[in-house]
Amino acid sequence: MIDLNAEITSPNESSENNELPSKEVEMIKRIMEKYKVKVVDIVKARSAYKIITTQGLICLKRMRHGKYKAANGSRLVEELKNNDFNFTAKYIKTTDGNLYVKSNKLVFYATEWIDGEECDLGSMEEVIACTKLLSKFHQATNKIDTERLKIRNNLKNWPKVFNDNLRDLEKYKKTIERKKIKNEFDSLYYNHIDGFYNRGLIALKYLNNTEYYKLSKEANQNKTICHDSFYYQNIIKKNSNYYIIDLDSIIIDLHVNDLGKFIRRLMFKNEFQWDFEKAKEIIEAYMTINPLTKSELEVMLALIIFPHKFWKLGKKRYIKYKNWTEAKYMHKLNKLINSDELQQNFLINYLEFLNSID
């Protein structure tokens, strides 16, 4: 149901005609007719639309494919609610009882709009609250029968991902070597490829020496679910509660996939700077709700130390040709290079932490 008590944003705050092309507005209005609501305003909000109606706020998501994602998300929300996890947005059906609407080769689905704000991951207090939210989410999903869900299984796939990324680094190196004229970014990225490549090899070797495959086999039996996109834009704070939104990316994987990626992204923030004590605090907060074994913590270390951001920056530059300014490219590259020593210290401290565990 739509929250009839939700706060209605004034149409003057952002006129739909200023926010979106008229054709897009008309298309969305036609979609919303399927829900029998009166639209007051439409605001673009990242990859979705905030639909302000006389009956409350609605989140409308648009996709080019994957109509099964709406069914996945709706079923998952129902199952989570049955397991006392109520911190997600409910899916809204059309008046015909459908979970999505097709229009011009596009798929749309609607959920409640959680009327809060994106969490502040510069605040350690909020980071801990979000970590506990993730842990509760994982704990609730442990009790869910995934047979009704159509989810990609990512178990036993990490070594392949690592290897594929390392091969990409080799391609970037050859691409730069073939360039007759190399700019500042090319030269600096090239000079550091070997160092980051070697760190990737270390992460891969470390992963293969853990109980990754054994843990994957166990997780495959239980079909453990990961959000796979757990970061500030998908964590909404409303009053004193935190909510997970956007369940489009859910996969079957080890829970440390979510936690490890979350920690890795945080460590690059200025407020964290690869401070292991802060990472340890995050891990301990997670474990107060959903305990992790030493083996899981070892696997997570491989994920954290793999040079994912260096690989991703190269992909944006040499594969996707991301239209960034040279200054932005250089800023991101220098930040990665300058954090190298901090990451080395983080690795040492993490290993000491693992050795202290019985």
Protein backbone atom coordinates (compact mmCIF):
# COMPACT_ATOMS: atom_id res chain seq x y z
CA MET A 1 0.00 0.00 0.00
CA ILE A 2 1.04 3.59 -0.54
CA ASP A 3 1.85 5.49 2.63
CA LEU A 4 -0.99 8.01 2.81
CA ASN A 5 0.72 9.76 5.69
CA ALA A 6 3.94 10.38 3.80
CA GLU A 7 5.10 13.96 3.63
CA ILE A 8 4.13 15.51 0.28
CA THR A 9 6.90 17.60 -1.22
CA SER A 10 5.78 20.94 -2.55
CA PRO A 11 5.65 21.02 -6.36
CA ASN A 12 7.51 24.31 -6.18
CA GLU A 13 10.58 22.56 -4.84
CA SER A 14 11.39 21.19 -8.31
CA SER A 15 9.11 21.63 -11.28
CA GLU A 16 8.79 18.47 -13.34
CA ASN A 17 9.14 20.46 -16.57
CA ASN A 18 12.49 21.82 -15.39
CA GLU A 19 13.72 18.41 -14.29
CA LEU A 20 12.72 16.21 -17.22
CA PRO A 21 11.94 16.49 -20.95
CA SER A 22 8.22 16.73 -21.64
CA LYS A 23 8.17 13.40 -23.52
CA GLU A 24 9.69 11.66 -20.52
CA VAL A 25 7.19 13.28 -18.17
CA GLU A 26 4.26 12.18 -20.35
CA MET A 27 5.63 8.63 -20.52
CA ILE A 28 5.92 8.44 -16.74
CA LYS A 29 2.41 9.82 -16.30
CA ARG A 30 1.10 7.09 -18.60
CA ILE A 31 2.93 4.49 -16.53
CA MET A 32 1.47 5.88 -13.31
CA GLU A 33 -2.04 5.60 -14.72
CA LYS A 34 -1.62 1.85 -14.20
CA TYR A 35 -1.43 2.56 -10.46
CA LYS A 36 -4.48 4.84 -10.39
CA VAL A 37 -2.74 7.67 -8.56
CA LYS A 38 -2.84 11.40 -9.23
CA VAL A 39 0.66 12.69 -10.00
CA VAL A 40 1.60 16.04 -8.47
CA ASP A 41 5.27 16.16 -9.47
CA ILE A 42 8.04 13.98 -10.89
CA VAL A 43 11.65 14.32 -9.78
CA LYS A 44 14.63 12.40 -11.16
CA ALA A 45 16.47 10.69 -8.33
CA ARG A 46 19.63 8.85 -9.47
CA SER A 47 18.46 5.86 -11.51
CA ALA A 48 14.85 6.22 -10.41
CA TYR A 49 12.01 8.74 -10.22
CA LYS A 50 10.45 10.20 -7.10
CA ILE A 51 6.75 10.36 -7.91
CA ILE A 52 4.87 12.82 -5.73
CA THR A 53 1.17 11.99 -5.68
CA THR A 54 -1.87 13.13 -3.76
CA GLN A 55 -1.75 9.72 -2.01
CA GLY A 56 1.90 9.70 -0.99
CA LEU A 57 5.39 9.20 -2.40
CA ILE A 58 6.33 6.46 -4.85
CA CYS A 59 9.69 5.32 -6.21
CA LEU A 60 9.49 4.37 -9.89
CA LYS A 61 12.43 2.39 -11.26
CA ARG A 62 13.20 2.11 -14.98
CA MET A 63 15.15 -0.74 -16.61
CA ARG A 64 15.88 -1.83 -20.16
CA HIS A 65 15.63 -5.50 -19.28
CA GLY A 66 15.20 -7.82 -16.32
CA LYS A 67 11.47 -7.79 -15.59
CA TYR A 68 12.15 -10.73 -13.25
CA LYS A 69 13.95 -8.29 -10.92
CA ALA A 70 10.65 -6.82 -9.76
CA ALA A 71 9.34 -10.30 -8.88
CA ASN A 72 12.64 -11.12 -7.16
CA GLY A 73 12.59 -7.96 -5.09
CA SER A 74 8.91 -8.29 -4.14
CA ARG A 75 9.30 -11.90 -3.02
CA LEU A 76 12.46 -11.11 -1.12
CA VAL A 77 10.78 -8.23 0.71
CA GLU A 78 7.88 -10.54 1.66
CA GLU A 79 10.28 -13.20 2.93
CA LEU A 80 12.33 -10.66 4.85
CA LYS A 81 9.19 -9.32 6.50
CA ASN A 82 8.25 -12.88 7.52
CA ASN A 83 11.65 -13.03 9.23
CA ASP A 84 11.11 -9.76 11.11
CA PHE A 85 13.25 -7.63 8.79
CA ASN A 86 11.11 -4.63 7.84
CA PHE A 87 13.78 -2.23 6.65
CA THR A 88 13.17 -2.38 2.91
CA ALA A 89 10.72 -0.66 0.58
CA LYS A 90 7.54 -2.57 -0.23
CA TYR A 91 6.76 -3.21 -3.88
CA ILE A 92 3.53 -1.76 -5.28
CA LYS A 93 1.36 -3.66 -7.74
CA THR A 94 -0.63 -2.09 -10.54
CA THR A 95 -4.42 -2.09 -10.39
CA ASP A 96 -4.24 -5.21 -12.58
CA GLY A 97 -2.11 -6.96 -9.97
CA ASN A 98 1.14 -6.78 -11.95
CA LEU A 99 4.56 -5.96 -10.49
CA TYR A 100 5.84 -4.11 -13.54
CA VAL A 101 4.72 -2.14 -16.56
CA LYS A 102 6.26 -2.44 -20.03
CA SER A 103 6.51 0.63 -22.25
CA ASN A 104 8.63 1.21 -25.37
CA LYS A 105 10.93 -1.75 -24.62
CA LEU A 106 11.42 -0.46 -21.10
CA VAL A 107 10.35 -2.08 -17.83
CA PHE A 108 9.07 -0.01 -14.89
CA TYR A 109 8.25 -1.08 -11.35
CA ALA A 110 7.16 0.85 -8.29
CA THR A 111 7.98 0.69 -4.59
CA GLU A 112 7.31 2.83 -1.57
CA TRP A 113 9.50 5.90 -1.34
CA ILE A 114 11.47 5.79 1.91
CA ASP A 115 11.24 9.47 2.81
CA GLY A 116 14.64 9.90 4.42
CA GLU A 117 18.16 10.80 3.35
CA GLU A 118 21.23 8.94 2.15
CA CYS A 119 23.38 7.92 5.09
CA ASP A 120 26.59 9.79 5.90
CA LEU A 121 29.46 7.32 5.60
CA GLY A 122 31.89 9.95 6.79
CA SER A 123 30.43 9.40 10.25
CA MET A 124 31.72 6.33 12.08
CA GLU A 125 28.50 6.22 14.09
CA GLU A 126 26.44 5.90 10.92
CA VAL A 127 28.88 3.42 9.40
CA ILE A 128 28.41 1.15 12.43
CA ALA A 129 24.62 1.51 12.19
CA CYS A 130 24.74 0.62 8.48
CA THR A 131 27.02 -2.34 9.18
CA LYS A 132 24.54 -3.71 11.70
CA LEU A 133 21.76 -3.20 9.16
CA LEU A 134 23.73 -5.30 6.65
CA SER A 135 24.34 -7.97 9.27
CA LYS A 136 20.63 -8.13 10.14
CA PHE A 137 19.81 -8.33 6.44
CA HIS A 138 22.17 -11.28 6.00
CA GLN A 139 20.84 -12.96 9.10
CA ALA A 140 17.26 -12.65 7.85
CA THR A 141 18.14 -13.95 4.37
CA ASN A 142 19.66 -17.08 5.93
CA LYS A 143 16.11 -18.25 6.65
CA ILE A 144 14.79 -17.64 3.14
CA ASP A 145 13.96 -20.32 0.60
CA THR A 146 15.58 -19.06 -2.61
CA GLU A 147 13.83 -21.54 -4.89
CA ARG A 148 11.25 -18.91 -5.85
CA LEU A 149 13.93 -16.36 -6.65
CA LYS A 150 15.79 -16.04 -9.92
CA ILE A 151 19.24 -15.00 -8.74
CA ARG A 152 22.68 -15.22 -10.31
CA ASN A 153 25.01 -17.54 -8.41
CA ASN A 154 28.43 -15.93 -7.92
CA LEU A 155 29.92 -18.65 -5.71
CA LYS A 156 33.32 -20.06 -6.74
CA ASN A 157 33.59 -17.13 -9.15
CA TRP A 158 36.04 -14.88 -7.29
CA PRO A 159 39.23 -16.47 -8.70
CA LYS A 160 37.85 -16.05 -12.23
CA VAL A 161 37.04 -12.39 -11.56
CA PHE A 162 40.54 -11.81 -10.16
CA ASN A 163 42.15 -13.54 -13.16
CA ASP A 164 39.99 -11.64 -15.65
CA ASN A 165 40.91 -8.33 -14.01
CA LEU A 166 44.61 -9.19 -14.08
CA ARG A 167 44.37 -10.00 -17.78
CA ASP A 168 42.70 -6.63 -18.28
CA LEU A 169 45.68 -4.93 -16.63
CA GLU A 170 47.92 -6.69 -19.14
CA LYS A 171 45.72 -5.34 -21.96
CA TYR A 172 45.88 -1.80 -20.56
CA LYS A 173 49.67 -2.06 -20.49
CA LYS A 174 49.80 -3.11 -24.15
CA THR A 175 47.34 -0.37 -25.08
CA ILE A 176 49.59 2.27 -23.54
CA GLU A 177 52.70 0.77 -25.17
CA ARG A 178 51.06 1.03 -28.60
CA LYS A 179 50.28 4.73 -28.15
CA LYS A 180 52.65 6.96 -30.11
CA ILE A 181 51.90 9.92 -27.88
CA LYS A 182 51.46 9.23 -24.17
CA ASN A 183 50.00 11.84 -21.86
CA GLU A 184 50.71 12.28 -18.16
CA PHE A 185 48.01 9.81 -17.11
CA ASP A 186 49.25 7.13 -19.52
CA SER A 187 52.81 7.38 -18.25
CA LEU A 188 51.90 7.39 -14.57
CA TYR A 189 49.37 4.56 -14.89
CA TYR A 190 51.87 2.51 -16.92
CA ASN A 191 54.63 3.02 -14.35
CA HIS A 192 52.44 1.53 -11.62
CA ILE A 193 50.73 -1.31 -13.47
CA ASP A 194 53.32 -3.91 -12.50
CA GLY A 195 53.11 -3.02 -8.80
CA PHE A 196 49.32 -3.26 -8.67
CA TYR A 197 49.39 -6.37 -10.88
CA ASN A 198 51.70 -8.08 -8.40
CA ARG A 199 49.40 -7.15 -5.54
CA GLY A 200 46.56 -8.73 -7.50
CA LEU A 201 48.61 -11.91 -7.87
CA ILE A 202 49.23 -11.92 -4.12
CA ALA A 203 45.50 -11.50 -3.44
CA LEU A 204 44.69 -14.35 -5.84
CA LYS A 205 47.32 -16.64 -4.32
CA TYR A 206 46.09 -15.79 -0.83
CA LEU A 207 42.49 -16.50 -1.86
CA ASN A 208 43.45 -19.89 -3.28
CA ASN A 209 45.18 -20.76 0.00
CA THR A 210 42.04 -20.06 2.03
CA GLU A 211 38.99 -22.27 2.45
CA TYR A 212 37.17 -20.27 -0.22
CA TYR A 213 35.91 -23.29 -2.18
CA LYS A 214 34.80 -25.11 0.96
CA LEU A 215 32.90 -22.03 2.13
CA SER A 216 31.38 -21.63 -1.34
CA LYS A 217 30.17 -25.23 -1.28
CA GLU A 218 28.53 -24.68 2.11
CA ALA A 219 27.01 -21.39 0.99
CA ASN A 220 25.70 -23.03 -2.17
CA GLN A 221 23.79 -25.54 -0.07
CA ASN A 222 22.17 -22.72 1.90
CA LYS A 223 21.96 -20.29 -1.06
CA THR A 224 23.16 -17.30 0.97
CA ILE A 225 22.01 -13.97 -0.46
CA CYS A 226 24.07 -10.80 -0.91
CA HIS A 227 22.80 -7.33 -1.78
CA ASP A 228 25.93 -6.74 -3.93
CA SER A 229 25.48 -2.98 -4.03
CA PHE A 230 25.54 -2.02 -0.37
CA TYR A 231 26.73 1.59 -0.23
CA TYR A 232 25.45 5.04 0.74
CA GLN A 233 23.13 5.53 -2.24
CA ASN A 234 21.25 2.36 -1.31
CA ILE A 235 21.09 2.99 2.44
CA ILE A 236 18.43 5.46 3.56
CA LYS A 237 18.19 6.92 7.05
CA LYS A 238 14.68 7.83 8.17
CA ASN A 239 14.51 9.23 11.69
CA SER A 240 16.60 6.74 13.71
CA ASN A 241 16.11 3.77 11.36
CA TYR A 242 18.14 2.66 8.36
CA TYR A 243 16.70 0.99 5.26
CA ILE A 244 18.19 -1.01 2.38
CA ILE A 245 16.80 -0.10 -1.02
CA ASP A 246 17.35 -1.26 -4.63
CA LEU A 247 17.37 -5.06 -4.59
CA ASP A 248 18.04 -5.35 -8.32
CA SER A 249 21.58 -6.66 -7.88
CA ILE A 250 20.98 -9.45 -5.34
CA ILE A 251 23.13 -12.53 -5.90
CA ILE A 252 24.03 -15.82 -4.26
CA ASP A 253 27.44 -15.35 -2.67
CA LEU A 254 29.38 -15.39 0.59
CA HIS A 255 28.16 -12.71 2.96
CA VAL A 256 31.72 -11.37 3.22
CA ASN A 257 31.28 -10.26 -0.40
CA ASP A 258 28.98 -7.48 0.82
CA LEU A 259 30.98 -6.68 3.94
CA GLY A 260 34.37 -6.78 2.19
CA LYS A 261 33.28 -4.47 -0.63
CA PHE A 262 31.73 -2.11 1.90
CA ILE A 263 34.97 -1.94 3.90
CA ARG A 264 37.11 -1.57 0.78
CA ARG A 265 35.10 1.41 -0.45
CA LEU A 266 35.15 3.05 2.97
CA MET A 267 38.92 2.70 3.33
CA PHE A 268 39.47 4.98 0.34
CA LYS A 269 37.50 7.77 2.02
CA ASN A 270 39.49 10.58 3.65
CA GLU A 271 37.86 9.82 7.00
CA PHE A 272 39.29 6.27 7.01
CA GLN A 273 42.59 6.29 5.10
CA TRP A 274 43.10 2.51 5.47
CA ASP A 275 42.96 2.72 9.25
CA PHE A 276 42.72 -0.94 10.26
CA GLU A 277 41.35 -0.12 13.71
CA LYS A 278 38.30 1.40 12.04
CA ALA A 279 37.95 -1.61 9.77
CA LYS A 280 38.21 -3.86 12.82
CA GLU A 281 35.46 -1.88 14.53
CA ILE A 282 33.24 -2.41 11.49
CA ILE A 283 33.97 -6.15 11.42
CA GLU A 284 33.24 -6.47 15.15
CA ALA A 285 29.97 -4.53 14.78
CA TYR A 286 28.89 -6.92 12.03
CA MET A 287 29.83 -9.95 14.11
CA THR A 288 27.72 -8.86 17.10
CA ILE A 289 24.73 -9.96 15.01
CA ASN A 290 26.03 -12.37 12.37
CA PRO A 291 29.29 -14.07 13.49
CA LEU A 292 32.04 -14.81 10.97
CA THR A 293 34.61 -17.59 11.10
CA LYS A 294 38.35 -17.04 10.77
CA SER A 295 38.15 -18.68 7.34
CA GLU A 296 35.54 -16.15 6.19
CA LEU A 297 37.70 -13.29 7.46
CA GLU A 298 40.67 -14.68 5.52
CA VAL A 299 38.63 -14.84 2.32
CA MET A 300 37.43 -11.28 2.89
CA LEU A 301 41.02 -10.04 3.17
CA ALA A 302 41.75 -11.27 -0.38
CA LEU A 303 38.76 -9.29 -1.65
CA ILE A 304 39.79 -6.12 0.19
CA ILE A 305 43.44 -6.09 -0.92
CA PHE A 306 42.82 -6.91 -4.59
CA PRO A 307 43.55 -3.68 -6.60
CA HIS A 308 39.98 -3.35 -7.79
CA LYS A 309 39.95 0.45 -7.99
CA PHE A 310 43.17 0.60 -10.03
CA TRP A 311 41.73 -1.95 -12.46
CA LYS A 312 38.39 -0.08 -12.59
CA LEU A 313 40.11 3.25 -13.31
CA GLY A 314 41.98 1.63 -16.20
CA LYS A 315 38.72 0.22 -17.53
CA LYS A 316 37.09 3.66 -17.47
CA ARG A 317 40.09 5.10 -19.34
CA TYR A 318 41.01 2.44 -21.89
CA ILE A 319 37.80 0.47 -22.41
CA LYS A 320 34.83 2.71 -21.67
CA TYR A 321 36.62 5.98 -22.52
CA LYS A 322 34.82 7.74 -19.68
CA ASN A 323 34.45 11.43 -20.50
CA TRP A 324 36.29 12.83 -17.49
CA THR A 325 38.69 15.75 -17.46
CA GLU A 326 42.40 14.96 -17.30
CA ALA A 327 42.48 16.63 -13.90
CA LYS A 328 39.85 14.20 -12.58
CA TYR A 329 41.65 11.19 -13.99
CA MET A 330 44.94 12.32 -12.47
CA HIS A 331 43.33 13.07 -9.11
CA LYS A 332 41.89 9.56 -8.89
CA LEU A 333 45.13 7.91 -10.00
CA ASN A 334 47.28 9.91 -7.58
CA LYS A 335 44.92 9.06 -4.76
CA LEU A 336 45.34 5.33 -5.50
CA ILE A 337 49.12 5.61 -5.72
CA ASN A 338 49.39 7.68 -2.53
CA SER A 339 47.37 5.11 -0.58
CA ASP A 340 49.71 2.26 -1.55
CA GLU A 341 51.82 2.36 1.62
CA LEU A 342 48.71 2.73 3.79
CA GLN A 343 47.27 -0.40 2.19
CA GLN A 344 50.47 -2.30 2.87
CA ASN A 345 50.23 -1.38 6.57
CA PHE A 346 46.54 -2.33 6.55
CA LEU A 347 47.47 -5.78 5.22
CA ILE A 348 50.06 -6.30 7.97
CA ASN A 349 47.60 -5.24 10.68
CA TYR A 350 44.83 -7.44 9.25
CA LEU A 351 47.16 -10.47 9.23
CA GLU A 352 48.12 -9.78 12.84
CA PHE A 353 44.42 -9.60 13.69
CA LEU A 354 43.82 -12.99 12.03
CA ASN A 355 46.77 -14.52 13.90
CA SER A 356 45.22 -13.41 17.18
CA ILE A 357 42.07 -15.45 16.46
CA ASP A 358 42.07 -19.03 17.75
